Amino acid sequence: MIHRTFTIVLSLLSLVGCMTSTVETKFDPTADFGSFHTFAFLAPDPFIAVPGGIDEVILPRIVSATRSTLELSGLVMVEDMDAADLIVSFSLGAREESKLTRYPAYYGRSSYGDGSYGWGYPYIGEVRVRQYTEGTLAIDIVDRRKAAPIWHGRKLRSITETMRENPGQAVPDAVNEILEGFPPAPAN
């Protein structure tokens, strides 16, 4: 019983460890974010990089979620890139990863027979390999007048089967996390 519980706990911990996500943002601290009022998406296609095999349905969802988030921050979307203060583009990436988890496995006495509990010798290490897809969404925002990047945000996350089948909420959540601090507060 102890062995089984130990194995289940370690399996769950290793699975949770693989499911973590990372959000990184960088911005130009010299940019006057208060002077930007409009944005447009890079034309003719705001997606600079898209890996093969990605479901094309997800691309408009990324654009829509980004538009909503930027509009909530007070910016107005314009269709003409030449009339925009900011230009927004995206990059998507995916790669197959493996996570190797090692832990000791119980081997020895148990609660069977003599009624005692205890760890016996020797321990035999178990190794579990989990294969998963790590996805990346990056959002870049450029000051059109200066042709200079002012914001870069990206999110790395394990892509689950549920997310593949129904990316509905995963897309806006990722965009919101990337743009959470946009625009940054002015430096004092």
N, C-alpha and C. Protein backbone atom coordinates (compact mmCIF):
# COMPACT_ATOMS: atom_id res chain seq x y z
N MET A 1 0.83 -1.19 0.00
CA MET A 1 0.00 0.00 0.00
C MET A 1 0.87 1.26 0.00
N ILE A 2 1.92 1.27 0.82
CA ILE A 2 2.80 2.43 0.87
C ILE A 2 3.45 2.63 -0.49
N HIS A 3 3.92 1.54 -1.08
CA HIS A 3 4.58 1.63 -2.39
C HIS A 3 3.64 2.23 -3.43
N ARG A 4 2.40 1.78 -3.45
CA ARG A 4 1.44 2.26 -4.44
C ARG A 4 1.15 3.74 -4.21
N THR A 5 0.92 4.15 -2.98
CA THR A 5 0.66 5.55 -2.67
C THR A 5 1.86 6.42 -3.05
N PHE A 6 3.05 5.97 -2.72
CA PHE A 6 4.28 6.68 -3.05
C PHE A 6 4.40 6.87 -4.56
N THR A 7 4.13 5.82 -5.30
CA THR A 7 4.22 5.87 -6.76
C THR A 7 3.19 6.83 -7.33
N ILE A 8 1.97 6.80 -6.81
CA ILE A 8 0.92 7.71 -7.30
C ILE A 8 1.29 9.16 -7.03
N VAL A 9 1.74 9.46 -5.82
CA VAL A 9 2.13 10.83 -5.47
C VAL A 9 3.25 11.32 -6.37
N LEU A 10 4.28 10.51 -6.56
CA LEU A 10 5.38 10.92 -7.42
C LEU A 10 4.94 11.10 -8.87
N SER A 11 4.06 10.24 -9.34
CA SER A 11 3.57 10.38 -10.70
C SER A 11 2.80 11.68 -10.86
N LEU A 12 1.97 12.02 -9.89
CA LEU A 12 1.22 13.27 -9.97
C LEU A 12 2.14 14.48 -9.90
N LEU A 13 3.14 14.43 -9.02
CA LEU A 13 4.08 15.55 -8.92
C LEU A 13 4.86 15.73 -10.20
N SER A 14 5.28 14.64 -10.82
CA SER A 14 6.03 14.77 -12.06
C SER A 14 5.14 15.30 -13.17
N LEU A 15 3.86 14.91 -13.18
CA LEU A 15 2.95 15.41 -14.19
C LEU A 15 2.70 16.90 -13.99
N VAL A 16 2.46 17.33 -12.75
CA VAL A 16 2.26 18.74 -12.47
C VAL A 16 3.50 19.53 -12.84
N GLY A 17 4.68 19.00 -12.56
CA GLY A 17 5.91 19.68 -12.91
C GLY A 17 6.04 19.91 -14.40
N CYS A 18 5.55 19.01 -15.21
CA CYS A 18 5.63 19.15 -16.66
C CYS A 18 4.60 20.13 -17.19
N MET A 19 3.54 20.36 -16.46
CA MET A 19 2.45 21.17 -16.95
C MET A 19 2.64 22.66 -16.62
N THR A 20 3.75 23.04 -16.09
CA THR A 20 3.95 24.43 -15.75
C THR A 20 4.11 25.27 -17.00
N SER A 21 3.86 26.53 -16.83
CA SER A 21 4.03 27.45 -17.95
C SER A 21 4.92 28.60 -17.50
N THR A 22 5.52 29.23 -18.47
CA THR A 22 6.41 30.35 -18.20
C THR A 22 5.99 31.52 -19.07
N VAL A 23 5.89 32.69 -18.46
CA VAL A 23 5.62 33.91 -19.20
C VAL A 23 6.80 34.85 -18.99
N GLU A 24 7.31 35.37 -20.09
CA GLU A 24 8.42 36.33 -20.04
C GLU A 24 8.01 37.56 -20.82
N THR A 25 8.27 38.72 -20.25
CA THR A 25 8.02 39.97 -20.98
C THR A 25 9.23 40.89 -20.85
N LYS A 26 9.45 41.62 -21.91
CA LYS A 26 10.51 42.63 -21.94
C LYS A 26 9.93 43.86 -22.63
N PHE A 27 10.38 45.03 -22.19
CA PHE A 27 9.91 46.23 -22.86
C PHE A 27 11.00 47.29 -22.82
N ASP A 28 10.85 48.26 -23.69
CA ASP A 28 11.80 49.37 -23.77
C ASP A 28 11.43 50.39 -22.70
N PRO A 29 12.24 50.53 -21.67
CA PRO A 29 11.90 51.46 -20.59
C PRO A 29 11.95 52.93 -21.02
N THR A 30 12.54 53.22 -22.17
CA THR A 30 12.60 54.61 -22.65
C THR A 30 11.39 54.97 -23.51
N ALA A 31 10.59 53.98 -23.88
CA ALA A 31 9.41 54.25 -24.71
C ALA A 31 8.35 54.99 -23.90
N ASP A 32 7.72 55.97 -24.53
CA ASP A 32 6.65 56.73 -23.90
C ASP A 32 5.32 56.05 -24.21
N PHE A 33 4.96 55.08 -23.40
CA PHE A 33 3.76 54.28 -23.66
C PHE A 33 2.50 55.13 -23.61
N GLY A 34 2.51 56.25 -22.93
CA GLY A 34 1.35 57.13 -22.87
C GLY A 34 1.09 57.86 -24.18
N SER A 35 2.07 57.87 -25.08
CA SER A 35 1.89 58.58 -26.36
C SER A 35 1.28 57.69 -27.44
N PHE A 36 1.08 56.42 -27.15
CA PHE A 36 0.51 55.49 -28.13
C PHE A 36 -1.00 55.39 -27.94
N HIS A 37 -1.72 55.57 -29.04
CA HIS A 37 -3.19 55.55 -28.97
C HIS A 37 -3.82 54.54 -29.91
N THR A 38 -3.11 54.16 -30.96
CA THR A 38 -3.67 53.25 -31.96
C THR A 38 -2.71 52.09 -32.24
N PHE A 39 -3.29 51.01 -32.75
CA PHE A 39 -2.47 49.86 -33.13
C PHE A 39 -3.08 49.20 -34.36
N ALA A 40 -2.24 48.48 -35.08
CA ALA A 40 -2.68 47.67 -36.22
C ALA A 40 -1.88 46.38 -36.19
N PHE A 41 -2.42 45.38 -36.83
CA PHE A 41 -1.68 44.13 -36.95
C PHE A 41 -0.82 44.18 -38.20
N LEU A 42 0.34 43.55 -38.11
CA LEU A 42 1.26 43.50 -39.23
C LEU A 42 0.53 42.94 -40.45
N ALA A 43 0.64 43.64 -41.56
CA ALA A 43 -0.04 43.21 -42.79
C ALA A 43 0.99 42.74 -43.80
N PRO A 44 0.69 41.81 -44.62
CA PRO A 44 -0.62 41.18 -44.81
C PRO A 44 -0.91 40.06 -43.83
N ASP A 45 0.09 39.60 -43.10
CA ASP A 45 -0.10 38.49 -42.16
C ASP A 45 0.64 38.80 -40.87
N PRO A 46 -0.08 38.89 -39.75
CA PRO A 46 0.59 39.22 -38.49
C PRO A 46 1.42 38.08 -37.91
N PHE A 47 1.33 36.88 -38.50
CA PHE A 47 2.06 35.73 -37.98
C PHE A 47 3.38 35.58 -38.72
N ILE A 48 4.46 35.93 -38.02
CA ILE A 48 5.80 35.88 -38.61
C ILE A 48 6.27 34.43 -38.73
N ALA A 49 5.97 33.63 -37.74
CA ALA A 49 6.39 32.22 -37.74
C ALA A 49 5.26 31.36 -37.21
N VAL A 50 4.92 30.32 -37.96
CA VAL A 50 3.91 29.36 -37.55
C VAL A 50 4.43 27.97 -37.90
N PRO A 51 4.52 27.08 -36.92
CA PRO A 51 5.02 25.73 -37.23
C PRO A 51 4.02 24.95 -38.08
N GLY A 52 4.53 24.04 -38.85
CA GLY A 52 3.67 23.17 -39.64
C GLY A 52 2.80 22.32 -38.75
N GLY A 53 1.62 22.01 -39.22
CA GLY A 53 0.73 21.14 -38.49
C GLY A 53 -0.14 21.84 -37.46
N ILE A 54 0.00 23.16 -37.32
CA ILE A 54 -0.84 23.85 -36.34
C ILE A 54 -2.24 24.03 -36.91
N ASP A 55 -3.23 23.92 -36.06
CA ASP A 55 -4.61 24.08 -36.46
C ASP A 55 -4.84 25.55 -36.81
N GLU A 56 -5.18 25.82 -38.05
CA GLU A 56 -5.36 27.19 -38.54
C GLU A 56 -6.49 27.94 -37.83
N VAL A 57 -7.39 27.22 -37.17
CA VAL A 57 -8.50 27.84 -36.46
C VAL A 57 -7.99 28.69 -35.30
N ILE A 58 -6.84 28.35 -34.77
CA ILE A 58 -6.31 29.05 -33.60
C ILE A 58 -5.80 30.45 -33.94
N LEU A 59 -5.36 30.68 -35.17
CA LEU A 59 -4.75 31.96 -35.54
C LEU A 59 -5.71 33.14 -35.39
N PRO A 60 -6.94 33.09 -35.92
CA PRO A 60 -7.85 34.22 -35.70
C PRO A 60 -8.21 34.42 -34.23
N ARG A 61 -8.19 33.34 -33.45
CA ARG A 61 -8.49 33.46 -32.02
C ARG A 61 -7.39 34.25 -31.31
N ILE A 62 -6.15 34.04 -31.72
CA ILE A 62 -5.04 34.80 -31.14
C ILE A 62 -5.19 36.28 -31.47
N VAL A 63 -5.50 36.58 -32.73
CA VAL A 63 -5.68 37.98 -33.15
C VAL A 63 -6.83 38.61 -32.38
N SER A 64 -7.95 37.90 -32.29
CA SER A 64 -9.13 38.43 -31.59
C SER A 64 -8.84 38.69 -30.10
N ALA A 65 -8.20 37.74 -29.45
CA ALA A 65 -7.89 37.90 -28.02
C ALA A 65 -6.93 39.06 -27.81
N THR A 66 -5.96 39.21 -28.71
CA THR A 66 -5.00 40.32 -28.59
C THR A 66 -5.70 41.65 -28.80
N ARG A 67 -6.55 41.70 -29.81
CA ARG A 67 -7.31 42.94 -30.07
C ARG A 67 -8.12 43.33 -28.84
N SER A 68 -8.84 42.39 -28.27
CA SER A 68 -9.66 42.67 -27.08
C SER A 68 -8.81 43.18 -25.92
N THR A 69 -7.70 42.53 -25.68
CA THR A 69 -6.84 42.91 -24.56
C THR A 69 -6.25 44.30 -24.77
N LEU A 70 -5.79 44.60 -25.99
CA LEU A 70 -5.21 45.92 -26.25
C LEU A 70 -6.28 47.01 -26.20
N GLU A 71 -7.47 46.70 -26.68
CA GLU A 71 -8.55 47.69 -26.60
C GLU A 71 -8.95 47.96 -25.15
N LEU A 72 -8.93 46.92 -24.32
CA LEU A 72 -9.22 47.12 -22.90
C LEU A 72 -8.17 48.00 -22.22
N SER A 73 -6.96 48.01 -22.77
CA SER A 73 -5.90 48.85 -22.20
C SER A 73 -6.00 50.30 -22.69
N GLY A 74 -7.00 50.59 -23.55
CA GLY A 74 -7.22 51.97 -23.99
C GLY A 74 -6.77 52.27 -25.41
N LEU A 75 -6.18 51.30 -26.10
CA LEU A 75 -5.75 51.52 -27.48
C LEU A 75 -6.92 51.28 -28.44
N VAL A 76 -6.84 51.94 -29.60
CA VAL A 76 -7.86 51.80 -30.63
C VAL A 76 -7.23 51.10 -31.83
N MET A 77 -7.91 50.08 -32.34
CA MET A 77 -7.38 49.38 -33.51
C MET A 77 -7.75 50.14 -34.78
N VAL A 78 -6.77 50.25 -35.68
CA VAL A 78 -6.99 50.83 -37.00
C VAL A 78 -6.57 49.79 -38.03
N GLU A 79 -7.19 49.82 -39.19
CA GLU A 79 -6.88 48.85 -40.24
C GLU A 79 -5.58 49.19 -40.97
N ASP A 80 -5.31 50.47 -41.14
CA ASP A 80 -4.16 50.93 -41.92
C ASP A 80 -2.91 50.98 -41.05
N MET A 81 -1.92 50.18 -41.39
CA MET A 81 -0.67 50.17 -40.61
C MET A 81 -0.01 51.55 -40.59
N ASP A 82 -0.12 52.30 -41.68
CA ASP A 82 0.52 53.61 -41.76
C ASP A 82 -0.13 54.63 -40.83
N ALA A 83 -1.34 54.36 -40.37
CA ALA A 83 -2.03 55.27 -39.46
C ALA A 83 -1.89 54.85 -38.00
N ALA A 84 -1.25 53.73 -37.75
CA ALA A 84 -1.15 53.19 -36.39
C ALA A 84 0.11 53.68 -35.69
N ASP A 85 0.00 53.84 -34.38
CA ASP A 85 1.17 54.14 -33.56
C ASP A 85 2.00 52.88 -33.34
N LEU A 86 1.30 51.75 -33.18
CA LEU A 86 1.95 50.47 -32.86
C LEU A 86 1.57 49.41 -33.88
N ILE A 87 2.53 48.54 -34.17
CA ILE A 87 2.30 47.39 -35.05
C ILE A 87 2.48 46.12 -34.21
N VAL A 88 1.53 45.20 -34.32
CA VAL A 88 1.53 43.97 -33.52
C VAL A 88 1.76 42.78 -34.44
N SER A 89 2.66 41.88 -34.01
CA SER A 89 2.90 40.64 -34.76
C SER A 89 3.03 39.48 -33.78
N PHE A 90 2.98 38.27 -34.33
CA PHE A 90 3.00 37.06 -33.52
C PHE A 90 3.99 36.05 -34.08
N SER A 91 4.46 35.20 -33.19
CA SER A 91 5.25 34.02 -33.57
C SER A 91 4.73 32.85 -32.76
N LEU A 92 4.61 31.72 -33.42
CA LEU A 92 4.21 30.49 -32.74
C LEU A 92 5.32 29.47 -32.91
N GLY A 93 5.49 28.64 -31.92
CA GLY A 93 6.48 27.58 -32.02
C GLY A 93 5.99 26.35 -31.28
N ALA A 94 6.52 25.21 -31.66
CA ALA A 94 6.20 23.96 -30.98
C ALA A 94 7.37 23.02 -31.14
N ARG A 95 7.64 22.27 -30.10
CA ARG A 95 8.68 21.25 -30.18
C ARG A 95 8.33 20.13 -29.22
N GLU A 96 8.77 18.95 -29.62
CA GLU A 96 8.55 17.77 -28.79
C GLU A 96 9.62 17.74 -27.71
N GLU A 97 9.20 17.47 -26.49
CA GLU A 97 10.09 17.41 -25.35
C GLU A 97 9.91 16.09 -24.62
N SER A 98 10.90 15.74 -23.83
CA SER A 98 10.82 14.56 -22.97
C SER A 98 11.22 14.98 -21.56
N LYS A 99 10.52 14.45 -20.60
CA LYS A 99 10.84 14.71 -19.20
C LYS A 99 11.14 13.37 -18.56
N LEU A 100 12.33 13.29 -17.99
CA LEU A 100 12.78 12.07 -17.33
C LEU A 100 12.65 12.28 -15.83
N THR A 101 11.93 11.39 -15.16
CA THR A 101 11.74 11.48 -13.72
C THR A 101 12.26 10.19 -13.10
N ARG A 102 13.16 10.34 -12.13
CA ARG A 102 13.70 9.19 -11.41
C ARG A 102 13.29 9.28 -9.96
N TYR A 103 12.95 8.13 -9.41
CA TYR A 103 12.65 8.07 -7.98
C TYR A 103 12.84 6.65 -7.50
N PRO A 104 13.08 6.51 -6.21
CA PRO A 104 13.29 5.16 -5.69
C PRO A 104 11.97 4.40 -5.64
N ALA A 105 12.05 3.13 -5.89
CA ALA A 105 10.87 2.27 -5.78
C ALA A 105 11.06 1.38 -4.56
N TYR A 106 9.99 1.11 -3.90
CA TYR A 106 10.03 0.29 -2.70
C TYR A 106 10.32 -1.16 -3.07
N TYR A 107 11.21 -1.75 -2.33
CA TYR A 107 11.49 -3.17 -2.52
C TYR A 107 11.89 -3.72 -1.15
N GLY A 108 11.14 -4.62 -0.62
CA GLY A 108 11.51 -5.17 0.68
C GLY A 108 10.29 -5.51 1.50
N ARG A 109 10.41 -5.32 2.82
CA ARG A 109 9.32 -5.69 3.73
C ARG A 109 8.08 -4.86 3.45
N SER A 110 6.97 -5.36 3.85
CA SER A 110 5.72 -4.62 3.70
C SER A 110 4.85 -4.90 4.91
N SER A 111 3.64 -4.42 4.85
CA SER A 111 2.71 -4.65 5.95
C SER A 111 2.11 -6.04 5.88
N TYR A 112 2.45 -6.78 4.87
CA TYR A 112 1.93 -8.13 4.75
C TYR A 112 2.74 -9.08 5.63
N GLY A 113 2.10 -10.01 6.18
CA GLY A 113 2.80 -11.04 6.95
C GLY A 113 2.99 -10.65 8.39
N ASP A 114 4.04 -9.90 8.72
CA ASP A 114 4.35 -9.61 10.12
C ASP A 114 3.62 -8.37 10.64
N GLY A 115 2.86 -7.66 9.82
CA GLY A 115 2.08 -6.51 10.27
C GLY A 115 2.90 -5.25 10.45
N SER A 116 4.18 -5.28 10.13
CA SER A 116 4.99 -4.07 10.32
C SER A 116 5.18 -3.34 9.00
N TYR A 117 5.53 -2.10 9.13
CA TYR A 117 5.85 -1.29 7.97
C TYR A 117 7.34 -1.01 7.98
N GLY A 118 7.92 -0.88 6.87
CA GLY A 118 9.34 -0.54 6.86
C GLY A 118 9.88 -0.56 5.45
N TRP A 119 10.95 0.12 5.29
CA TRP A 119 11.61 0.14 3.99
C TRP A 119 12.71 -0.90 4.02
N GLY A 120 12.73 -1.73 3.07
CA GLY A 120 13.75 -2.76 3.01
C GLY A 120 14.82 -2.40 2.02
N TYR A 121 15.82 -3.16 1.97
CA TYR A 121 16.90 -2.94 1.01
C TYR A 121 16.84 -4.04 -0.01
N PRO A 122 17.28 -3.91 -1.16
CA PRO A 122 17.78 -2.67 -1.76
C PRO A 122 16.65 -1.85 -2.37
N TYR A 123 16.90 -0.58 -2.63
CA TYR A 123 15.98 0.25 -3.38
C TYR A 123 16.30 0.07 -4.86
N ILE A 124 15.27 -0.01 -5.63
CA ILE A 124 15.45 -0.10 -7.07
C ILE A 124 14.85 1.16 -7.67
N GLY A 125 15.65 1.90 -8.37
CA GLY A 125 15.16 3.15 -8.95
C GLY A 125 14.24 2.90 -10.13
N GLU A 126 13.16 3.67 -10.17
CA GLU A 126 12.27 3.62 -11.32
C GLU A 126 12.49 4.89 -12.13
N VAL A 127 12.35 4.76 -13.42
CA VAL A 127 12.50 5.91 -14.31
C VAL A 127 11.24 5.98 -15.16
N ARG A 128 10.68 7.17 -15.23
CA ARG A 128 9.52 7.38 -16.09
C ARG A 128 9.87 8.46 -17.10
N VAL A 129 9.50 8.23 -18.33
CA VAL A 129 9.72 9.20 -19.39
C VAL A 129 8.36 9.66 -19.88
N ARG A 130 8.19 10.97 -19.89
CA ARG A 130 6.94 11.56 -20.37
C ARG A 130 7.26 12.41 -21.58
N GLN A 131 6.60 12.15 -22.68
CA GLN A 131 6.80 12.94 -23.89
C GLN A 131 5.63 13.92 -24.00
N TYR A 132 5.93 15.16 -24.37
CA TYR A 132 4.91 16.18 -24.49
C TYR A 132 5.35 17.22 -25.51
N THR A 133 4.40 18.04 -25.91
CA THR A 133 4.68 19.12 -26.84
C THR A 133 4.72 20.42 -26.05
N GLU A 134 5.80 21.17 -26.24
CA GLU A 134 5.91 22.48 -25.61
C GLU A 134 5.59 23.52 -26.68
N GLY A 135 4.61 24.34 -26.40
CA GLY A 135 4.20 25.37 -27.35
C GLY A 135 4.65 26.74 -26.87
N THR A 136 4.91 27.63 -27.83
CA THR A 136 5.30 29.01 -27.52
C THR A 136 4.45 29.96 -28.33
N LEU A 137 3.92 30.97 -27.67
CA LEU A 137 3.25 32.08 -28.33
C LEU A 137 4.01 33.33 -27.95
N ALA A 138 4.46 34.09 -28.96
CA ALA A 138 5.16 35.36 -28.71
C ALA A 138 4.36 36.48 -29.36
N ILE A 139 4.26 37.60 -28.64
CA ILE A 139 3.61 38.80 -29.16
C ILE A 139 4.65 39.91 -29.15
N ASP A 140 4.84 40.52 -30.31
CA ASP A 140 5.78 41.63 -30.44
C ASP A 140 5.03 42.89 -30.83
N ILE A 141 5.37 43.99 -30.17
CA ILE A 141 4.75 45.28 -30.46
C ILE A 141 5.87 46.26 -30.79
N VAL A 142 5.70 46.93 -31.94
CA VAL A 142 6.72 47.82 -32.48
C VAL A 142 6.17 49.24 -32.57
N ASP A 143 6.99 50.22 -32.18
CA ASP A 143 6.68 51.63 -32.40
C ASP A 143 6.87 51.88 -33.90
N ARG A 144 5.77 52.13 -34.62
CA ARG A 144 5.83 52.26 -36.07
C ARG A 144 6.70 53.44 -36.50
N ARG A 145 6.58 54.55 -35.82
CA ARG A 145 7.33 55.75 -36.22
C ARG A 145 8.84 55.54 -36.12
N LYS A 146 9.27 54.88 -35.08
CA LYS A 146 10.70 54.65 -34.87
C LYS A 146 11.17 53.32 -35.45
N ALA A 147 10.22 52.49 -35.88
CA ALA A 147 10.53 51.13 -36.36
C ALA A 147 11.39 50.38 -35.34
N ALA A 148 10.98 50.52 -34.08
CA ALA A 148 11.73 49.92 -32.98
C ALA A 148 10.80 49.10 -32.09
N PRO A 149 11.25 47.93 -31.68
CA PRO A 149 10.42 47.13 -30.77
C PRO A 149 10.32 47.80 -29.40
N ILE A 150 9.11 47.78 -28.84
CA ILE A 150 8.92 48.34 -27.50
C ILE A 150 8.40 47.30 -26.51
N TRP A 151 7.90 46.17 -27.01
CA TRP A 151 7.34 45.14 -26.13
C TRP A 151 7.54 43.78 -26.77
N HIS A 152 8.00 42.83 -25.97
CA HIS A 152 8.08 41.43 -26.40
C HIS A 152 7.61 40.59 -25.23
N GLY A 153 6.62 39.76 -25.50
CA GLY A 153 6.13 38.85 -24.47
C GLY A 153 5.95 37.48 -25.07
N ARG A 154 6.25 36.47 -24.27
CA ARG A 154 6.05 35.11 -24.77
C ARG A 154 5.63 34.20 -23.63
N LYS A 155 4.90 33.19 -24.02
CA LYS A 155 4.46 32.18 -23.06
C LYS A 155 4.85 30.82 -23.60
N LEU A 156 5.50 30.03 -22.74
CA LEU A 156 5.84 28.64 -23.04
C LEU A 156 4.96 27.77 -22.18
N ARG A 157 4.39 26.73 -22.78
CA ARG A 157 3.50 25.85 -22.02
C ARG A 157 3.42 24.49 -22.66
N SER A 158 3.23 23.48 -21.82
CA SER A 158 2.95 22.14 -22.33
C SER A 158 1.56 22.16 -22.96
N ILE A 159 1.46 21.57 -24.13
CA ILE A 159 0.19 21.51 -24.83
C ILE A 159 -0.46 20.17 -24.50
N THR A 160 -1.61 20.25 -23.86
CA THR A 160 -2.33 19.03 -23.49
C THR A 160 -3.25 18.59 -24.61
N GLU A 161 -3.72 17.38 -24.53
CA GLU A 161 -4.66 16.86 -25.53
C GLU A 161 -5.96 17.66 -25.47
N THR A 162 -6.39 18.05 -24.28
CA THR A 162 -7.59 18.85 -24.12
C THR A 162 -7.44 20.19 -24.83
N MET A 163 -6.27 20.81 -24.72
CA MET A 163 -6.03 22.09 -25.39
C MET A 163 -6.05 21.92 -26.90
N ARG A 164 -5.54 20.80 -27.39
CA ARG A 164 -5.55 20.56 -28.83
C ARG A 164 -6.99 20.42 -29.35
N GLU A 165 -7.81 19.71 -28.59
CA GLU A 165 -9.18 19.46 -29.01
C GLU A 165 -10.06 20.69 -28.86
N ASN A 166 -9.81 21.50 -27.83
CA ASN A 166 -10.64 22.67 -27.60
C ASN A 166 -9.78 23.82 -27.06
N PRO A 167 -9.15 24.58 -27.96
CA PRO A 167 -8.27 25.66 -27.52
C PRO A 167 -9.02 26.91 -27.08
N GLY A 168 -10.35 26.82 -27.01
CA GLY A 168 -11.19 27.97 -26.71
C GLY A 168 -10.69 28.90 -25.63
N GLN A 169 -10.51 28.44 -24.41
CA GLN A 169 -10.09 29.32 -23.32
C GLN A 169 -8.59 29.44 -23.19
N ALA A 170 -7.85 28.47 -23.68
CA ALA A 170 -6.39 28.53 -23.56
C ALA A 170 -5.80 29.71 -24.31
N VAL A 171 -6.37 30.06 -25.46
CA VAL A 171 -5.83 31.17 -26.27
C VAL A 171 -5.98 32.51 -25.56
N PRO A 172 -7.21 32.91 -25.17
CA PRO A 172 -7.31 34.21 -24.48
C PRO A 172 -6.54 34.26 -23.16
N ASP A 173 -6.48 33.13 -22.47
CA ASP A 173 -5.71 33.10 -21.22
C ASP A 173 -4.23 33.37 -21.49
N ALA A 174 -3.68 32.74 -22.53
CA ALA A 174 -2.27 32.95 -22.86
C ALA A 174 -2.02 34.40 -23.26
N VAL A 175 -2.87 34.95 -24.10
CA VAL A 175 -2.71 36.34 -24.54
C VAL A 175 -2.80 37.29 -23.35
N ASN A 176 -3.78 37.07 -22.47
CA ASN A 176 -3.92 37.93 -21.29
C ASN A 176 -2.69 37.87 -20.39
N GLU A 177 -2.12 36.68 -20.23
CA GLU A 177 -0.92 36.56 -19.41
C GLU A 177 0.26 37.29 -20.05
N ILE A 178 0.41 37.18 -21.35
CA ILE A 178 1.51 37.85 -22.03
C ILE A 178 1.39 39.36 -21.95
N LEU A 179 0.17 39.86 -22.11
CA LEU A 179 -0.05 41.32 -22.13
C LEU A 179 -0.50 41.87 -20.78
N GLU A 180 -0.37 41.09 -19.74
CA GLU A 180 -0.85 41.50 -18.41
C GLU A 180 -0.29 42.85 -17.97
N GLY A 181 0.96 43.11 -18.20
CA GLY A 181 1.58 44.36 -17.76
C GLY A 181 1.66 45.42 -18.84
N PHE A 182 0.88 45.27 -19.92
CA PHE A 182 0.92 46.23 -21.01
C PHE A 182 -0.23 47.21 -20.90
N PRO A 183 0.00 48.49 -21.02
CA PRO A 183 1.33 49.15 -21.07
C PRO A 183 1.92 49.23 -19.68
N PRO A 184 3.24 49.18 -19.61
CA PRO A 184 3.87 49.28 -18.30
C PRO A 184 3.65 50.66 -17.69
N ALA A 185 3.65 50.69 -16.37
CA ALA A 185 3.49 51.96 -15.67
C ALA A 185 4.71 52.85 -15.93
N PRO A 186 4.47 54.15 -16.05
CA PRO A 186 5.61 55.05 -16.28
C PRO A 186 6.61 54.98 -15.13
N ALA A 187 7.89 55.05 -15.50
CA ALA A 187 8.95 55.06 -14.47
C ALA A 187 8.97 56.40 -13.78
N ASN A 188 9.19 56.36 -12.47
CA ASN A 188 9.25 57.62 -11.70
C ASN A 188 10.65 58.10 -11.55
